[in-house]
Protein backbone atom coordinates (compact mmCIF):
# COMPACT_ATOMS: atom_id res chain seq x y z
CA MET A 1 10.52 3.58 -27.49
CA ARG A 2 13.70 4.42 -25.38
CA ALA A 3 12.13 2.56 -22.31
CA GLN A 4 11.69 -0.57 -24.57
CA ILE A 5 15.19 -0.33 -25.75
CA GLN A 6 16.48 -0.18 -22.15
CA ARG A 7 14.21 -3.00 -21.10
CA ASP A 8 15.52 -5.18 -23.95
CA LEU A 9 19.16 -4.42 -23.23
CA GLU A 10 18.74 -5.13 -19.56
CA LYS A 11 16.79 -8.39 -19.99
CA LYS A 12 19.64 -9.63 -22.47
CA SER A 13 22.46 -8.73 -19.94
CA HIS A 14 23.87 -11.29 -17.44
CA VAL A 15 22.77 -10.34 -13.94
CA GLU A 16 24.57 -11.23 -10.77
CA THR A 17 22.30 -11.13 -7.68
CA LYS A 18 23.62 -10.77 -4.15
CA TRP A 19 21.14 -10.65 -1.30
CA VAL A 20 22.50 -8.25 1.36
CA TYR A 21 19.61 -8.25 3.79
CA LYS A 22 16.64 -10.61 4.46
CA GLY A 23 14.11 -9.30 6.99
CA ARG A 24 10.66 -10.05 8.24
CA ILE A 25 9.05 -7.41 5.96
CA VAL A 26 11.69 -6.53 3.25
CA ASN A 27 14.63 -8.08 1.64
CA LEU A 28 17.37 -6.04 -0.11
CA LYS A 29 19.36 -7.35 -3.11
CA LEU A 30 21.98 -5.94 -5.36
CA GLU A 31 21.77 -6.72 -9.10
CA THR A 32 24.92 -6.10 -11.14
CA TYR A 33 24.49 -5.88 -14.92
CA GLN A 34 25.93 -4.44 -18.03
CA LEU A 35 24.18 -1.56 -19.87
CA GLY A 36 26.22 -1.04 -23.02
CA ASP A 37 29.86 -0.63 -21.95
CA ARG A 38 28.96 0.36 -18.37
CA THR A 39 28.50 -1.81 -15.31
CA LYS A 40 25.42 -0.83 -13.26
CA VAL A 41 24.29 -1.88 -9.76
CA ALA A 42 20.65 -1.76 -8.90
CA GLU A 43 19.47 -1.72 -5.21
CA ILE A 44 16.10 -3.46 -5.05
CA ILE A 45 13.91 -4.00 -2.10
CA HIS A 46 11.60 -7.00 -2.38
CA HIS A 47 8.41 -6.80 -0.49
CA SER A 48 5.63 -9.50 -0.43
CA GLY A 49 3.00 -6.76 -1.22
CA ALA A 50 0.13 -5.25 0.81
CA ILE A 51 -3.45 -4.26 0.74
CA VAL A 52 -5.16 -0.84 1.08
CA ILE A 53 -8.82 -0.54 1.92
CA ILE A 54 -11.33 2.26 1.29
CA PRO A 55 -13.96 1.64 3.94
CA ILE A 56 -17.28 3.56 3.45
CA ASP A 57 -19.64 3.72 6.40
CA ALA A 58 -23.32 3.98 6.30
CA GLU A 59 -23.21 7.80 6.13
CA GLY A 60 -20.97 7.63 3.10
CA ARG A 61 -17.76 8.63 5.06
CA ILE A 62 -14.29 7.10 4.50
CA LEU A 63 -12.88 5.54 7.64
CA LEU A 64 -9.28 6.74 7.85
CA VAL A 65 -6.97 5.74 10.72
CA GLN A 66 -4.48 7.67 12.63
CA GLN A 67 -1.37 5.84 13.91
CA TRP A 68 2.17 6.61 15.04
CA ARG A 69 4.70 5.74 12.37
CA ARG A 70 8.28 5.32 13.61
CA ALA A 71 9.90 5.56 10.21
CA VAL A 72 8.66 9.25 9.84
CA GLY A 73 8.50 10.11 13.50
CA GLU A 74 4.95 11.28 13.51
CA ILE A 75 1.25 10.37 13.66
CA THR A 76 -0.07 9.84 10.17
CA ILE A 77 -3.56 9.77 8.71
CA GLU A 78 -3.98 6.80 6.43
CA LEU A 79 -6.41 4.44 4.75
CA PRO A 80 -6.38 1.06 6.65
CA ALA A 81 -3.67 -1.21 5.09
CA GLY A 82 -1.58 -4.19 5.83
CA THR A 83 1.19 -6.39 4.58
CA LEU A 84 0.41 -9.77 2.93
CA GLU A 85 1.47 -12.86 4.79
CA GLN A 86 3.33 -15.41 2.67
CA ASN A 87 0.99 -16.94 0.05
CA GLU A 88 -2.01 -15.00 1.48
CA ASP A 89 -4.92 -14.04 -0.75
CA PRO A 90 -5.22 -10.19 -0.87
CA LEU A 91 -8.90 -10.35 -0.31
CA ASP A 92 -8.42 -12.42 2.82
CA CYS A 93 -5.74 -9.87 3.99
CA ALA A 94 -7.96 -6.92 3.35
CA LYS A 95 -10.88 -8.55 5.41
CA ARG A 96 -8.56 -9.17 8.36
CA GLU A 97 -6.84 -5.88 8.30
CA LEU A 98 -10.12 -3.89 8.07
CA GLN A 99 -11.46 -5.67 11.27
CA GLU A 100 -8.07 -5.18 13.09
CA GLU A 101 -7.72 -1.56 12.24
CA THR A 102 -11.25 -0.28 12.18
CA GLY A 103 -13.33 -2.76 14.14
CA PHE A 104 -15.63 -3.28 11.15
CA ALA A 105 -16.15 -6.02 8.57
CA ALA A 106 -17.68 -5.44 5.17
CA LYS A 107 -20.57 -7.33 3.42
CA LYS A 108 -19.19 -6.09 0.17
CA MET A 109 -15.45 -5.90 -0.83
CA THR A 110 -14.74 -4.73 -4.38
CA PRO A 111 -11.29 -4.95 -5.86
CA LEU A 112 -10.07 -1.63 -7.41
CA GLY A 113 -6.96 -2.77 -9.00
CA GLY A 114 -3.60 -1.58 -7.37
CA PHE A 115 -0.36 0.14 -7.80
CA TYR A 116 3.40 -0.05 -7.11
CA THR A 117 4.62 2.00 -4.09
CA ALA A 118 8.10 3.07 -5.45
CA PRO A 119 8.98 1.06 -8.68
CA GLY A 120 12.28 2.82 -8.99
CA PHE A 121 13.77 0.69 -6.14
CA CYS A 122 11.04 -1.52 -4.63
CA ASP A 123 8.67 -4.24 -6.10
CA GLU A 124 5.93 -3.72 -3.50
CA TYR A 125 2.43 -3.93 -5.08
CA LEU A 126 -0.60 -2.65 -3.16
CA HIS A 127 -4.03 -4.17 -3.93
CA LEU A 128 -6.75 -1.78 -3.40
CA PHE A 129 -10.23 -2.69 -2.15
CA LEU A 130 -13.48 -0.75 -1.56
CA ALA A 131 -15.27 -1.95 1.62
CA GLU A 132 -19.02 -1.21 1.79
CA HIS A 133 -21.90 -2.26 4.01
CA LEU A 134 -19.82 -2.17 7.10
CA HIS A 135 -20.97 -3.71 10.46
CA HIS A 136 -19.23 -3.81 13.85
CA SER A 137 -16.87 -6.84 14.05
CA PRO A 138 -13.63 -6.08 15.75
CA LEU A 139 -10.53 -8.35 15.75
CA GLU A 140 -7.73 -7.85 18.18
CA PRO A 141 -5.16 -5.42 16.67
CA ASP A 142 -1.55 -6.23 16.45
CA ASP A 143 0.29 -5.56 19.68
CA ASP A 144 2.22 -2.71 18.17
CA GLU A 145 -0.73 -0.87 16.54
CA MET A 146 -2.58 1.78 18.71
CA ILE A 147 -4.95 3.02 16.03
CA ASP A 148 -7.69 5.75 16.13
CA VAL A 149 -10.43 5.62 13.49
CA LEU A 150 -11.30 8.99 11.87
CA PRO A 151 -14.49 9.07 9.74
CA VAL A 152 -14.34 11.85 7.11
CA THR A 153 -16.55 12.86 4.15
CA VAL A 154 -14.98 12.68 0.65
CA LYS A 155 -14.87 16.49 0.69
CA GLU A 156 -13.03 16.59 3.98
CA ALA A 157 -10.51 13.90 2.76
CA LYS A 158 -9.90 15.96 -0.32
CA HIS A 159 -9.35 19.06 1.82
CA MET A 160 -6.97 17.16 4.12
CA ILE A 161 -4.90 16.05 1.08
CA GLU A 162 -4.83 19.67 -0.36
CA HIS A 163 -3.75 21.10 2.86
CA ASN A 164 -0.93 18.42 3.38
CA GLN A 165 -2.72 16.80 6.39
CA ILE A 166 -2.70 13.47 4.56
CA ARG A 167 0.79 12.92 3.14
CA ASP A 168 0.68 9.14 2.82
CA ALA A 169 1.04 8.17 -0.84
CA LYS A 170 -1.13 4.98 -0.77
CA THR A 171 -3.95 7.08 0.94
CA ILE A 172 -3.81 9.85 -1.61
CA ALA A 173 -3.78 7.33 -4.46
CA GLY A 174 -6.73 5.33 -2.91
CA ILE A 175 -8.83 8.37 -2.31
CA LEU A 176 -8.07 9.71 -5.81
CA ARG A 177 -9.11 6.31 -7.26
CA TYR A 178 -12.35 6.30 -5.27
CA ILE A 179 -13.18 9.94 -6.32
CA CYS A 180 -12.53 9.00 -10.02
CA ALA A 181 -14.71 5.98 -9.93
CA ASN A 182 -17.56 7.86 -8.20
CA GLY A 183 -17.57 11.10 -10.01
């Protein structure tokens, strides 16, 4: 109930928007508004959205990827994923990213919904797909991506999450969604 009250107050408030950064992947805006007798400033990152893929190979293993991530300064273990191009269909993006990052294409791609990455300050929405019936079909990876494919069982993936080897939120959420859907 309190969340609805805040939503209604903020939606009625006059908002001044100032874009402070526009980049290739993210844009940052400041929104100044009134909440009761207080002036508030929200820092909001706009992102065009992305896709996350749970690729399942013929042995029932999840194909994870290992890659260097400059932002965190380490090699991470993740589900394959990628940023949507402007006006790109999420399914088309998922098919392309699967081929670029794993070297496989899927005969069956099933949408599994999605989720926000960090709704407190960012509007990025991740579309989740299950990729099955994989066949070898590589595409040239992006020039800044040197990726290793790591096939793991569901049990191994769960162990990797429990022991903090997988720390990427989209990967944890995707694997959890897969486990919930498949018992």
